[in-house]
Amino acid sequence: MGKAVHSNLGSSRGRGGRLGGGLLRKLPLLMVVVGLTVFLVLFVLLPIGSILVESLLKNGGALDLSGGFLRMLRQRFLRQTVKNSLVLATTVSVIATSLAFALAYCTTQFKLKGLRFWNG
C-alpha cells in the first residue's frame, strides 16, 4: 500500500492549522478586486443600462421599439455598422477567451516564477 496524500484544497484551514490562515495575505488583492468591481458597476454598467432603458421607453413608461431602433435598422449603412460591431465583438471575445485559457493552462501546468504573489 502507498502513502496517503493529504491535500489542503477542501479545507478552510490555512498553513499551521489556523482557520483562515492565508486570508490576511490575500486581503490587498481582494480589496483591489472589490474596488474594480464597484468602479465597473458605478461608472460603466449603470450609465449604459440607464441609457438603454431610457431609449426603450416612451414618455409614459411604455416599451417602444418603433422609435429609434426600427428606423435605424431600416437604413442600410446603420444596419451594416451594427453588423460590423457584432462581428468585431464576437471575434475579440473568442480571441481573448482563447488567450486567457492558454495562459491559465500554462500557470497551472508549469512552475512559473512570481506565482507566489497570486497563490499566497
N, C-alpha and C. Protein backbone atom coordinates (compact mmCIF):
# COMPACT_ATOMS: atom_id res chain seq x y z
N MET A 1 0.84 -1.18 0.00
CA MET A 1 0.00 0.00 0.00
C MET A 1 0.87 1.23 0.00
N GLY A 2 0.40 2.26 -0.73
CA GLY A 2 1.14 3.52 -0.80
C GLY A 2 0.78 4.45 0.33
N LYS A 3 1.50 5.51 0.41
CA LYS A 3 1.23 6.51 1.44
C LYS A 3 0.03 7.35 1.03
N ALA A 4 -0.71 7.77 2.01
CA ALA A 4 -1.87 8.63 1.75
C ALA A 4 -1.38 10.06 1.48
N VAL A 5 -1.96 10.67 0.48
CA VAL A 5 -1.61 12.05 0.14
C VAL A 5 -2.69 12.96 0.69
N HIS A 6 -2.28 13.92 1.49
CA HIS A 6 -3.24 14.85 2.09
C HIS A 6 -3.19 16.17 1.32
N SER A 7 -4.35 16.71 1.08
CA SER A 7 -4.45 17.97 0.35
C SER A 7 -5.15 19.00 1.22
N ASN A 8 -4.78 20.24 1.07
CA ASN A 8 -5.37 21.35 1.80
C ASN A 8 -6.47 22.03 0.98
N LEU A 9 -6.80 21.49 -0.21
CA LEU A 9 -7.70 22.17 -1.13
C LEU A 9 -9.09 22.37 -0.55
N GLY A 10 -9.68 21.37 0.03
CA GLY A 10 -11.05 21.48 0.52
C GLY A 10 -11.14 22.01 1.93
N SER A 11 -10.06 22.33 2.52
CA SER A 11 -10.04 22.74 3.92
C SER A 11 -10.16 24.25 4.05
N SER A 12 -10.80 24.70 5.10
CA SER A 12 -10.87 26.14 5.36
C SER A 12 -9.72 26.57 6.26
N ARG A 13 -8.88 25.64 6.60
CA ARG A 13 -7.74 25.98 7.45
C ARG A 13 -6.52 26.27 6.59
N GLY A 14 -5.77 27.27 6.98
CA GLY A 14 -4.57 27.64 6.26
C GLY A 14 -3.38 26.86 6.76
N ARG A 15 -2.20 27.40 6.52
CA ARG A 15 -0.97 26.75 6.99
C ARG A 15 -0.92 26.78 8.51
N GLY A 16 -0.42 25.76 9.07
CA GLY A 16 -0.26 25.70 10.51
C GLY A 16 -1.56 25.36 11.22
N GLY A 17 -2.60 24.98 10.49
CA GLY A 17 -3.84 24.57 11.11
C GLY A 17 -4.73 25.70 11.58
N ARG A 18 -4.33 26.94 11.34
CA ARG A 18 -5.17 28.07 11.77
C ARG A 18 -6.31 28.26 10.79
N LEU A 19 -7.44 28.62 11.31
CA LEU A 19 -8.60 28.88 10.47
C LEU A 19 -8.40 30.21 9.76
N GLY A 20 -8.50 30.21 8.40
CA GLY A 20 -8.33 31.43 7.62
C GLY A 20 -6.91 31.94 7.63
N GLY A 21 -5.92 31.07 7.66
CA GLY A 21 -4.52 31.47 7.79
C GLY A 21 -4.00 32.34 6.66
N GLY A 22 -4.39 32.07 5.42
CA GLY A 22 -3.86 32.83 4.31
C GLY A 22 -4.73 33.99 3.88
N LEU A 23 -5.83 34.22 4.58
CA LEU A 23 -6.77 35.26 4.18
C LEU A 23 -6.18 36.65 4.31
N LEU A 24 -5.43 36.90 5.35
CA LEU A 24 -4.87 38.23 5.54
C LEU A 24 -3.84 38.58 4.48
N ARG A 25 -3.13 37.58 3.98
CA ARG A 25 -2.16 37.85 2.93
C ARG A 25 -2.84 38.18 1.62
N LYS A 26 -4.04 37.68 1.40
CA LYS A 26 -4.75 37.94 0.15
C LYS A 26 -5.70 39.13 0.26
N LEU A 27 -5.73 39.79 1.40
CA LEU A 27 -6.63 40.91 1.60
C LEU A 27 -6.37 42.07 0.62
N PRO A 28 -5.12 42.46 0.33
CA PRO A 28 -4.92 43.54 -0.65
C PRO A 28 -5.46 43.18 -2.04
N LEU A 29 -5.27 41.95 -2.46
CA LEU A 29 -5.79 41.52 -3.75
C LEU A 29 -7.31 41.54 -3.75
N LEU A 30 -7.92 41.11 -2.67
CA LEU A 30 -9.37 41.12 -2.54
C LEU A 30 -9.89 42.56 -2.58
N MET A 31 -9.20 43.47 -1.92
CA MET A 31 -9.62 44.87 -1.93
C MET A 31 -9.54 45.46 -3.33
N VAL A 32 -8.53 45.12 -4.09
CA VAL A 32 -8.40 45.60 -5.47
C VAL A 32 -9.54 45.06 -6.33
N VAL A 33 -9.84 43.78 -6.20
CA VAL A 33 -10.92 43.17 -6.98
C VAL A 33 -12.26 43.81 -6.64
N VAL A 34 -12.53 44.00 -5.36
CA VAL A 34 -13.79 44.63 -4.96
C VAL A 34 -13.85 46.07 -5.45
N GLY A 35 -12.77 46.80 -5.34
CA GLY A 35 -12.72 48.19 -5.81
C GLY A 35 -12.96 48.30 -7.30
N LEU A 36 -12.33 47.43 -8.07
CA LEU A 36 -12.53 47.45 -9.52
C LEU A 36 -13.95 47.06 -9.90
N THR A 37 -14.53 46.13 -9.16
CA THR A 37 -15.92 45.73 -9.43
C THR A 37 -16.87 46.88 -9.15
N VAL A 38 -16.69 47.57 -8.05
CA VAL A 38 -17.54 48.72 -7.72
C VAL A 38 -17.37 49.81 -8.78
N PHE A 39 -16.14 50.07 -9.20
CA PHE A 39 -15.88 51.06 -10.24
C PHE A 39 -16.58 50.69 -11.54
N LEU A 40 -16.48 49.43 -11.93
CA LEU A 40 -17.11 48.97 -13.17
C LEU A 40 -18.62 49.14 -13.11
N VAL A 41 -19.23 48.76 -12.00
CA VAL A 41 -20.68 48.87 -11.87
C VAL A 41 -21.11 50.33 -11.88
N LEU A 42 -20.44 51.18 -11.09
CA LEU A 42 -20.86 52.58 -10.97
C LEU A 42 -20.63 53.41 -12.22
N PHE A 43 -19.50 53.21 -12.88
CA PHE A 43 -19.13 54.11 -13.95
C PHE A 43 -19.26 53.52 -15.36
N VAL A 44 -19.61 52.24 -15.47
CA VAL A 44 -19.79 51.65 -16.80
C VAL A 44 -21.18 51.03 -16.92
N LEU A 45 -21.50 50.07 -16.08
CA LEU A 45 -22.75 49.33 -16.23
C LEU A 45 -24.00 50.17 -15.94
N LEU A 46 -24.00 50.94 -14.88
CA LEU A 46 -25.17 51.77 -14.56
C LEU A 46 -25.45 52.83 -15.63
N PRO A 47 -24.46 53.58 -16.10
CA PRO A 47 -24.75 54.56 -17.16
C PRO A 47 -25.24 53.91 -18.46
N ILE A 48 -24.62 52.83 -18.87
CA ILE A 48 -25.05 52.16 -20.10
C ILE A 48 -26.45 51.59 -19.92
N GLY A 49 -26.72 51.00 -18.78
CA GLY A 49 -28.04 50.45 -18.52
C GLY A 49 -29.12 51.52 -18.50
N SER A 50 -28.83 52.66 -17.89
CA SER A 50 -29.84 53.73 -17.85
C SER A 50 -30.09 54.31 -19.24
N ILE A 51 -29.06 54.42 -20.08
CA ILE A 51 -29.25 54.88 -21.45
C ILE A 51 -30.10 53.89 -22.23
N LEU A 52 -29.84 52.60 -22.06
CA LEU A 52 -30.62 51.58 -22.76
C LEU A 52 -32.08 51.61 -22.33
N VAL A 53 -32.33 51.71 -21.03
CA VAL A 53 -33.71 51.75 -20.53
C VAL A 53 -34.43 53.00 -21.06
N GLU A 54 -33.76 54.14 -21.01
CA GLU A 54 -34.37 55.38 -21.49
C GLU A 54 -34.68 55.31 -22.99
N SER A 55 -33.83 54.64 -23.75
CA SER A 55 -34.05 54.56 -25.20
C SER A 55 -35.19 53.61 -25.57
N LEU A 56 -35.53 52.70 -24.69
CA LEU A 56 -36.59 51.73 -24.98
C LEU A 56 -37.96 52.16 -24.47
N LEU A 57 -38.02 53.19 -23.63
CA LEU A 57 -39.29 53.59 -23.03
C LEU A 57 -39.79 54.91 -23.63
N LYS A 58 -41.12 55.00 -23.81
CA LYS A 58 -41.76 56.26 -24.20
C LYS A 58 -41.84 57.15 -22.97
N ASN A 59 -42.37 58.34 -23.16
CA ASN A 59 -42.52 59.27 -22.03
C ASN A 59 -43.42 58.71 -20.95
N GLY A 60 -44.44 57.92 -21.32
CA GLY A 60 -45.35 57.36 -20.34
C GLY A 60 -44.80 56.14 -19.63
N GLY A 61 -43.67 55.64 -20.06
CA GLY A 61 -43.06 54.47 -19.43
C GLY A 61 -43.35 53.17 -20.15
N ALA A 62 -44.07 53.22 -21.28
CA ALA A 62 -44.38 52.00 -22.04
C ALA A 62 -43.21 51.65 -22.96
N LEU A 63 -43.05 50.37 -23.22
CA LEU A 63 -42.00 49.89 -24.10
C LEU A 63 -42.24 50.36 -25.52
N ASP A 64 -41.23 50.92 -26.19
CA ASP A 64 -41.39 51.46 -27.53
C ASP A 64 -40.18 51.10 -28.38
N LEU A 65 -40.34 50.15 -29.30
CA LEU A 65 -39.27 49.77 -30.22
C LEU A 65 -39.38 50.50 -31.55
N SER A 66 -40.53 51.09 -31.85
CA SER A 66 -40.72 51.71 -33.14
C SER A 66 -40.00 53.04 -33.27
N GLY A 67 -39.59 53.59 -32.16
CA GLY A 67 -38.93 54.90 -32.18
C GLY A 67 -37.63 54.88 -32.97
N GLY A 68 -36.53 54.75 -32.29
CA GLY A 68 -35.24 54.85 -32.94
C GLY A 68 -34.69 53.56 -33.47
N PHE A 69 -34.96 52.46 -32.81
CA PHE A 69 -34.30 51.20 -33.17
C PHE A 69 -34.75 50.67 -34.52
N LEU A 70 -36.04 50.61 -34.76
CA LEU A 70 -36.52 50.07 -36.03
C LEU A 70 -36.19 51.00 -37.18
N ARG A 71 -36.30 52.32 -36.96
CA ARG A 71 -35.89 53.27 -38.01
C ARG A 71 -34.41 53.13 -38.32
N MET A 72 -33.61 52.91 -37.31
CA MET A 72 -32.17 52.78 -37.51
C MET A 72 -31.85 51.53 -38.32
N LEU A 73 -32.50 50.41 -38.00
CA LEU A 73 -32.18 49.16 -38.70
C LEU A 73 -32.72 49.12 -40.12
N ARG A 74 -33.61 50.04 -40.49
CA ARG A 74 -34.08 50.11 -41.87
C ARG A 74 -33.05 50.75 -42.79
N GLN A 75 -32.13 51.50 -42.24
CA GLN A 75 -31.11 52.16 -43.06
C GLN A 75 -29.93 51.21 -43.25
N ARG A 76 -29.54 51.01 -44.51
CA ARG A 76 -28.51 50.04 -44.86
C ARG A 76 -27.18 50.34 -44.17
N PHE A 77 -26.76 51.60 -44.18
CA PHE A 77 -25.47 51.97 -43.59
C PHE A 77 -25.45 51.65 -42.09
N LEU A 78 -26.49 52.01 -41.37
CA LEU A 78 -26.52 51.75 -39.93
C LEU A 78 -26.65 50.27 -39.62
N ARG A 79 -27.38 49.54 -40.46
CA ARG A 79 -27.51 48.09 -40.28
C ARG A 79 -26.13 47.43 -40.45
N GLN A 80 -25.37 47.89 -41.45
CA GLN A 80 -24.02 47.35 -41.68
C GLN A 80 -23.10 47.69 -40.50
N THR A 81 -23.28 48.87 -39.94
CA THR A 81 -22.46 49.28 -38.80
C THR A 81 -22.73 48.39 -37.59
N VAL A 82 -24.00 48.09 -37.34
CA VAL A 82 -24.36 47.21 -36.23
C VAL A 82 -23.79 45.81 -36.47
N LYS A 83 -23.89 45.33 -37.69
CA LYS A 83 -23.36 44.00 -38.03
C LYS A 83 -21.85 43.95 -37.81
N ASN A 84 -21.13 44.98 -38.28
CA ASN A 84 -19.67 45.03 -38.10
C ASN A 84 -19.30 45.05 -36.62
N SER A 85 -20.06 45.78 -35.83
CA SER A 85 -19.79 45.86 -34.38
C SER A 85 -19.98 44.50 -33.72
N LEU A 86 -21.03 43.79 -34.09
CA LEU A 86 -21.28 42.47 -33.51
C LEU A 86 -20.21 41.46 -33.93
N VAL A 87 -19.79 41.51 -35.20
CA VAL A 87 -18.74 40.61 -35.67
C VAL A 87 -17.43 40.90 -34.94
N LEU A 88 -17.10 42.17 -34.79
CA LEU A 88 -15.87 42.55 -34.09
C LEU A 88 -15.91 42.11 -32.63
N ALA A 89 -17.04 42.34 -31.96
CA ALA A 89 -17.17 41.96 -30.55
C ALA A 89 -17.04 40.45 -30.38
N THR A 90 -17.66 39.68 -31.29
CA THR A 90 -17.57 38.22 -31.21
C THR A 90 -16.14 37.76 -31.44
N THR A 91 -15.47 38.32 -32.44
CA THR A 91 -14.09 37.92 -32.75
C THR A 91 -13.15 38.23 -31.58
N VAL A 92 -13.26 39.42 -31.03
CA VAL A 92 -12.40 39.81 -29.91
C VAL A 92 -12.67 38.92 -28.69
N SER A 93 -13.93 38.59 -28.45
CA SER A 93 -14.27 37.72 -27.31
C SER A 93 -13.67 36.33 -27.47
N VAL A 94 -13.75 35.77 -28.66
CA VAL A 94 -13.21 34.43 -28.90
C VAL A 94 -11.69 34.45 -28.75
N ILE A 95 -11.03 35.45 -29.31
CA ILE A 95 -9.56 35.53 -29.21
C ILE A 95 -9.13 35.73 -27.75
N ALA A 96 -9.80 36.64 -27.03
CA ALA A 96 -9.43 36.90 -25.64
C ALA A 96 -9.66 35.69 -24.76
N THR A 97 -10.76 34.97 -24.99
CA THR A 97 -11.04 33.77 -24.20
C THR A 97 -10.01 32.69 -24.49
N SER A 98 -9.63 32.55 -25.75
CA SER A 98 -8.61 31.55 -26.11
C SER A 98 -7.27 31.87 -25.46
N LEU A 99 -6.87 33.13 -25.51
CA LEU A 99 -5.60 33.52 -24.87
C LEU A 99 -5.66 33.33 -23.35
N ALA A 100 -6.78 33.70 -22.74
CA ALA A 100 -6.92 33.54 -21.29
C ALA A 100 -6.87 32.07 -20.91
N PHE A 101 -7.52 31.21 -21.70
CA PHE A 101 -7.48 29.77 -21.41
C PHE A 101 -6.06 29.24 -21.51
N ALA A 102 -5.34 29.65 -22.56
CA ALA A 102 -3.96 29.18 -22.74
C ALA A 102 -3.08 29.64 -21.58
N LEU A 103 -3.22 30.89 -21.16
CA LEU A 103 -2.42 31.39 -20.04
C LEU A 103 -2.79 30.71 -18.73
N ALA A 104 -4.07 30.47 -18.52
CA ALA A 104 -4.50 29.77 -17.30
C ALA A 104 -3.96 28.35 -17.29
N TYR A 105 -3.99 27.69 -18.43
CA TYR A 105 -3.45 26.33 -18.53
C TYR A 105 -1.96 26.33 -18.20
N CYS A 106 -1.22 27.28 -18.76
CA CYS A 106 0.22 27.34 -18.51
C CYS A 106 0.53 27.60 -17.04
N THR A 107 -0.24 28.46 -16.40
CA THR A 107 0.04 28.76 -14.99
C THR A 107 -0.29 27.59 -14.07
N THR A 108 -1.19 26.71 -14.49
CA THR A 108 -1.50 25.56 -13.64
C THR A 108 -0.62 24.36 -13.94
N GLN A 109 -0.07 24.28 -15.13
CA GLN A 109 0.70 23.10 -15.51
C GLN A 109 2.21 23.26 -15.36
N PHE A 110 2.70 24.49 -15.34
CA PHE A 110 4.14 24.72 -15.29
C PHE A 110 4.49 25.56 -14.08
N LYS A 111 5.72 25.36 -13.58
CA LYS A 111 6.19 26.16 -12.46
C LYS A 111 6.75 27.46 -13.01
N LEU A 112 6.06 28.54 -12.73
CA LEU A 112 6.45 29.86 -13.21
C LEU A 112 6.87 30.72 -12.04
N LYS A 113 7.85 31.57 -12.28
CA LYS A 113 8.32 32.47 -11.23
C LYS A 113 7.25 33.56 -10.99
N GLY A 114 7.12 33.98 -9.78
CA GLY A 114 6.20 35.06 -9.43
C GLY A 114 4.79 34.63 -9.13
N LEU A 115 4.50 33.34 -9.12
CA LEU A 115 3.15 32.89 -8.84
C LEU A 115 2.79 32.92 -7.36
N ARG A 116 3.81 33.05 -6.50
CA ARG A 116 3.54 33.11 -5.06
C ARG A 116 2.70 34.33 -4.73
N PHE A 117 2.82 35.41 -5.51
CA PHE A 117 2.02 36.61 -5.26
C PHE A 117 0.53 36.29 -5.40
N TRP A 118 0.16 35.53 -6.42
CA TRP A 118 -1.24 35.21 -6.67
C TRP A 118 -1.73 34.05 -5.81
N ASN A 119 -0.88 33.08 -5.57
CA ASN A 119 -1.29 31.88 -4.83
C ASN A 119 -1.16 32.03 -3.32
N GLY A 120 -0.45 33.03 -2.88
CA GLY A 120 -0.34 33.26 -1.44
C GLY A 120 0.74 32.53 -0.83
